[in-house]
Every structure is written in C-alpha cells, then in structure tokens.
Protein backbone atom coordinates (compact mmCIF):
# COMPACT_ATOMS: atom_id res chain seq x y z
CA UNK A 1 -87.02 -64.33 -47.08
CA UNK A 2 -85.13 -63.46 -50.24
CA UNK A 3 -81.44 -63.12 -49.39
CA UNK A 4 -79.81 -61.90 -52.60
CA UNK A 5 -77.03 -59.41 -52.02
CA UNK A 6 -74.90 -59.21 -48.89
CA UNK A 7 -76.62 -59.97 -45.59
CA UNK A 8 -75.29 -59.30 -42.10
CA UNK A 9 -76.58 -60.38 -38.70
CA UNK A 10 -74.41 -58.13 -36.59
CA UNK A 11 -75.95 -58.96 -33.21
CA UNK A 12 -74.73 -62.09 -31.51
CA UNK A 13 -77.46 -64.03 -29.76
CA UNK A 14 -76.38 -66.60 -27.17
CA UNK A 15 -78.11 -69.67 -25.78
CA UNK A 16 -75.79 -69.64 -22.75
CA UNK A 17 -74.14 -66.97 -20.58
CA UNK A 18 -71.84 -64.67 -22.50
CA UNK A 19 -68.15 -65.49 -22.32
CA UNK A 20 -66.86 -62.99 -24.91
CA UNK A 21 -68.05 -59.50 -25.73
CA UNK A 22 -68.15 -59.42 -29.52
CA UNK A 23 -70.69 -59.04 -32.30
CA UNK A 24 -70.48 -61.85 -34.82
CA UNK A 25 -71.33 -61.20 -38.44
CA UNK A 26 -73.06 -64.39 -39.54
CA UNK A 27 -72.55 -63.75 -43.24
CA UNK A 28 -69.62 -65.09 -45.20
CA UNK A 29 -67.87 -61.71 -44.98
CA UNK A 30 -67.13 -61.82 -41.22
CA UNK A 31 -67.33 -58.13 -40.43
CA UNK A 32 -67.24 -58.87 -36.71
CA UNK A 33 -67.64 -56.08 -34.16
CA UNK A 34 -65.02 -55.52 -31.46
CA UNK A 35 -66.08 -54.01 -28.14
CA UNK A 36 -64.55 -50.74 -26.97
CA UNK A 37 -65.87 -51.32 -23.46
CA UNK A 38 -67.67 -54.31 -22.00
CA UNK A 39 -71.40 -54.10 -22.58
CA UNK A 40 -74.12 -55.81 -20.61
CA UNK A 41 -75.85 -58.77 -22.25
CA UNK A 42 -79.56 -59.10 -21.69
CA UNK A 43 -81.59 -62.30 -21.89
CA UNK A 44 -84.60 -62.02 -24.18
CA UNK A 45 -87.92 -63.83 -23.69
CA UNK A 46 -86.74 -66.32 -26.32
CA UNK A 47 -83.85 -67.34 -24.03
CA UNK A 48 -81.30 -65.71 -26.32
CA UNK A 49 -78.99 -62.85 -25.35
CA UNK A 50 -78.36 -59.47 -26.95
CA UNK A 51 -75.93 -56.62 -26.20
CA UNK A 52 -77.01 -53.65 -24.11
CA UNK A 53 -74.85 -50.60 -24.70
CA UNK A 54 -74.84 -47.86 -22.07
CA UNK A 55 -73.72 -44.32 -22.79
CA UNK A 56 -72.28 -43.78 -19.30
CA UNK A 57 -69.96 -46.77 -19.70
CA UNK A 58 -68.75 -45.71 -23.18
CA UNK A 59 -69.72 -49.09 -24.61
CA UNK A 60 -69.84 -49.47 -28.38
CA UNK A 61 -68.56 -51.79 -31.12
CA UNK A 62 -66.09 -51.02 -33.88
CA UNK A 63 -66.75 -52.85 -37.14
CA UNK A 64 -64.42 -53.04 -40.17
CA UNK A 65 -65.54 -50.94 -43.12
CA UNK A 66 -68.34 -52.84 -44.84
CA UNK A 67 -66.65 -52.86 -48.22
CA UNK A 68 -69.66 -54.03 -50.32
CA UNK A 69 -71.38 -50.76 -49.31
CA UNK A 70 -68.51 -48.59 -50.55
CA UNK A 71 -69.77 -47.00 -53.76
CA UNK A 72 -73.05 -48.93 -53.53
CA UNK A 73 -75.93 -47.64 -55.63
CA UNK A 74 -78.47 -49.32 -53.34
CA UNK A 75 -78.57 -50.38 -49.68
CA UNK A 76 -81.01 -51.40 -46.95
CA UNK A 77 -80.54 -51.39 -43.18
CA UNK A 78 -83.07 -52.91 -40.76
CA UNK A 79 -83.30 -54.37 -37.28
CA UNK A 80 -84.87 -54.47 -33.83
CA UNK A 81 -83.51 -51.80 -31.48
CA UNK A 82 -84.53 -50.83 -27.97
CA UNK A 83 -83.93 -47.23 -26.99
CA UNK A 84 -83.02 -47.35 -23.30
CA UNK A 85 -82.39 -43.64 -22.76
CA UNK A 86 -82.32 -40.46 -24.81
CA UNK A 87 -78.79 -39.34 -25.60
CA UNK A 88 -78.66 -36.48 -28.08
CA UNK A 89 -76.77 -37.36 -31.27
CA UNK A 90 -76.69 -41.06 -30.40
CA UNK A 91 -76.69 -43.57 -33.26
CA UNK A 92 -77.54 -47.22 -33.86
CA UNK A 93 -74.88 -47.70 -36.55
CA UNK A 94 -72.95 -45.33 -38.76
CA UNK A 95 -70.05 -45.06 -41.19
CA UNK A 96 -68.67 -41.55 -41.24
CA UNK A 97 -65.88 -39.40 -39.90
CA UNK A 98 -66.22 -35.64 -40.25
CA UNK A 99 -69.19 -33.94 -41.89
CA UNK A 100 -67.40 -33.87 -45.23
CA UNK A 101 -66.81 -37.62 -45.34
CA UNK A 102 -70.22 -38.99 -44.34
CA UNK A 103 -71.33 -42.12 -46.12
CA UNK A 104 -74.33 -43.33 -44.11
CA UNK A 105 -75.93 -43.22 -40.68
CA UNK A 106 -78.59 -45.66 -39.54
CA UNK A 107 -80.45 -44.01 -36.69
CA UNK A 108 -79.38 -40.66 -35.31
CA UNK A 109 -81.34 -38.90 -32.58
CA UNK A 110 -80.59 -35.24 -33.16
CA UNK A 111 -83.89 -34.40 -31.46
CA UNK A 112 -85.60 -36.53 -28.84
CA UNK A 113 -87.85 -39.33 -30.14
CA UNK A 114 -86.91 -38.66 -33.79
CA UNK A 115 -85.82 -41.60 -35.97
CA UNK A 116 -83.24 -40.07 -38.26
CA UNK A 117 -81.05 -41.53 -41.05
CA UNK A 118 -78.88 -40.21 -43.84
CA UNK A 119 -76.81 -41.25 -46.85
CA UNK A 120 -73.87 -39.54 -48.52
CA UNK A 121 -71.21 -39.86 -51.18
CA UNK A 122 -68.35 -38.57 -49.05
CA UNK A 123 -69.01 -34.91 -49.87
CA UNK A 124 -72.78 -34.43 -50.04
CA UNK A 125 -75.17 -36.09 -47.61
CA UNK A 126 -78.97 -36.18 -47.42
CA UNK A 127 -81.04 -36.67 -44.21
CA UNK A 128 -84.48 -38.16 -43.60
CA UNK A 129 -86.41 -38.47 -40.34
CA UNK A 130 -89.70 -39.20 -38.58
CA UNK A 131 -90.60 -37.12 -35.51
CA UNK A 132 -92.22 -38.27 -32.26
CA UNK A 133 -91.78 -42.00 -32.96
CA UNK A 134 -88.46 -43.31 -31.60
CA UNK A 135 -89.54 -43.39 -27.96
CA UNK A 136 -88.06 -45.43 -25.12
CA UNK A 137 -88.66 -49.15 -25.75
CA UNK A 138 -88.39 -51.68 -28.60
CA UNK A 139 -88.77 -50.61 -32.23
CA UNK A 140 -88.35 -52.21 -35.64
CA UNK A 141 -86.45 -49.68 -37.75
CA UNK A 142 -85.19 -49.52 -41.33
CA UNK A 143 -83.56 -47.32 -43.96
CA UNK A 144 -83.42 -47.79 -47.74
CA UNK A 145 -81.21 -46.01 -50.29
CA UNK A 146 -81.47 -45.98 -54.09
CA UNK A 147 -78.90 -43.53 -55.41
CA UNK A 148 -79.58 -40.71 -57.83
CA UNK A 149 -83.34 -40.87 -57.38
CA UNK A 150 -85.95 -38.21 -56.60
CA UNK A 151 -87.44 -40.58 -54.01
CA UNK A 152 -84.25 -42.48 -53.22
CA UNK A 153 -83.99 -42.23 -49.42
CA UNK A 154 -86.65 -43.77 -47.18
CA UNK A 155 -86.90 -44.83 -43.55
CA UNK A 156 -89.41 -46.34 -41.17
CA UNK A 157 -90.01 -47.01 -37.50
CA UNK A 158 -92.60 -49.62 -36.54
CA UNK A 159 -95.68 -48.82 -38.62
CA UNK A 160 -94.63 -45.28 -39.56
CA UNK A 161 -92.81 -44.40 -42.77
CA UNK A 162 -91.23 -41.07 -43.71
CA UNK A 163 -92.08 -39.41 -46.99
CA UNK A 164 -89.26 -40.36 -49.41
CA UNK A 165 -86.69 -37.65 -50.06
CA UNK A 166 -84.50 -36.99 -53.07
CA UNK A 167 -80.92 -38.25 -53.28
CA UNK A 168 -80.49 -37.04 -56.85
CA UNK A 169 -77.23 -35.43 -55.73
CA UNK A 170 -75.95 -38.68 -54.17
CA UNK A 171 -75.48 -41.28 -56.90
CA UNK A 172 -73.64 -43.80 -54.73
CA UNK A 173 -72.52 -44.21 -51.14
CA UNK A 174 -69.06 -42.86 -50.42
CA UNK A 175 -65.91 -44.82 -51.12
CA UNK A 176 -62.48 -45.06 -49.49
CA UNK A 177 -61.63 -47.25 -46.53
CA UNK A 178 -61.73 -45.19 -43.33
CA UNK A 179 -62.31 -47.87 -40.65
CA UNK A 180 -64.93 -45.69 -39.01
CA UNK A 181 -67.92 -48.01 -38.85
CA UNK A 182 -69.47 -48.11 -35.38
CA UNK A 183 -72.43 -49.66 -33.60
CA UNK A 184 -73.62 -47.56 -30.66
CA UNK A 185 -71.41 -44.53 -31.23
CA UNK A 186 -71.51 -41.34 -33.31
CA UNK A 187 -69.25 -38.94 -31.45
CA UNK A 188 -71.31 -39.65 -28.32
CA UNK A 189 -72.15 -43.09 -26.94
CA UNK A 190 -75.64 -44.56 -27.27
CA UNK A 191 -77.84 -46.24 -24.68
CA UNK A 192 -79.49 -48.94 -26.77
CA UNK A 193 -80.10 -52.68 -26.78
CA UNK A 194 -79.68 -54.40 -30.13
CA UNK A 195 -81.54 -57.62 -30.95
CA UNK A 196 -81.00 -57.83 -34.71
CA UNK A 197 -79.25 -55.85 -37.40
CA UNK A 198 -79.24 -56.77 -41.07
CA UNK A 199 -77.67 -54.90 -43.97
CA UNK A 200 -78.05 -55.50 -47.70
CA UNK A 201 -76.28 -53.80 -50.60
CA UNK A 202 -79.52 -53.93 -52.56
CA UNK A 203 -82.86 -52.18 -52.08
CA UNK A 204 -85.07 -54.66 -50.20
CA UNK A 205 -88.78 -54.43 -51.03
CA UNK A 206 -91.45 -53.34 -48.56
CA UNK A 207 -92.79 -56.90 -48.38
CA UNK A 208 -89.34 -58.33 -47.62
CA UNK A 209 -88.78 -55.76 -44.87
CA UNK A 210 -92.15 -56.74 -43.38
CA UNK A 211 -91.31 -60.46 -43.59
CA UNK A 212 -88.01 -59.91 -41.80
CA UNK A 213 -89.74 -57.90 -39.06
CA UNK A 214 -92.32 -60.60 -38.48
CA UNK A 215 -89.82 -63.47 -38.62
CA UNK A 216 -87.62 -61.89 -35.93
CA UNK A 217 -90.34 -60.40 -33.72
CA UNK A 218 -90.65 -63.55 -31.58
CA UNK A 219 -87.02 -63.26 -30.43
CA UNK A 220 -87.87 -60.26 -28.29
CA UNK A 221 -91.38 -61.27 -27.27
CA UNK A 222 -93.27 -58.58 -29.19
C-alpha cells in the first residue's frame, strides 16, 4: 500500500503475553499511548494480541497531540474496531477539549449503532454519520477530510459509506497543542477492542483504504 504522508499503527499487537499496557506507534514519530487504567488484552485468531477497553473500568489511552495533523488540510483515519457494548457518546479516538476547541473525532456514538465522525478548525466543527451500522462486533471504519471542500468530509463502516458533507467552513484542522488526544475516551469511557488504527495527514484514496482493510482483515479472522 502507498504510504506517503505520516502513518501510525497505534495498536500494539503481541506474539506473547502482554507485560506492559501501552500502545506503540510504529511510525518514526513515536506518538505512543499511555494507559489510564489497565486494559484487558485479547488474543486474536492470528495469535496476536490487541487491547480491550472497558467502560466500567475507565480504561483508555492518552496519546500526545499528533502534531502533523495540527492545521492539516487533509487527513484520513481508518482501522478495525470491535464494539463490545453501547456506551452513549463513546469514541474510538478523538482530539478535542470543549465544544469550541474541537479538531477531530474518529467514531462517536451519539445514538446507538451510528458511526459518527467530525472535523473542526478549533471554532467550527462539521459532523458526518451513518445510522444503523455500528452494531456490536467487528467493523472496518474510516474517515477522510479534505478541508474547504463542498464534499470534504466522508466516512465509512464496512461496506457502507455516508454521503459526503461540506467542510467549506473548515479549511484546516485546528491548531494549538492541547494534549487532549485519547483512544477510548470522549468524556465517557468506551467499551471497544482495537485491532488496528492508522492515521495519515493526506487524503487516502478509496482503493488504498480498501487495500488496507483487506491486508489487515486476516489478523482478526474476518
């Protein structure tokens, strides 16, 4: 797969029992995730391990601000996520504080079974979602942002894709280091299992998203 731009593999996959609870960014930038509370680690059919975050145990990961996304005119998020339980307002990964400082959210379940994402410049933010799709179980999910465009925010879950929405009012993602990037938390704690998570500061094509989905599918036995 084409790997221009910045690429993250935020989920750490083990070939032996877990001895540390951390998410390792495999890119050269080392935006490693630190656990707030110990998560469970689940063995996949491939023999690898992935983190299972549980809302009741307040488990999530704090990640340093992903600086190449600050002020980015384009970005793509994608990965394999298993929804283990519905928790309203739960998130896969996000980078925002209060409403007025939102920069992006990748996965946000404001209503049950809805795959929801948004992008913002720190003042204005734009949402996009697909209803009745993010059910309990494994899903391949993605979000793509191209700032200042009439069709500049897109998202997908498995084989379903939302109709693109306008981000003409959001030219770039927000700037300013806030240290508020989280995996598995957005005010509330999420109950999800994360097999892969990859982020680019460019707009990845549909074919490249598909190639990444198919190349990682075997890790989780789907």
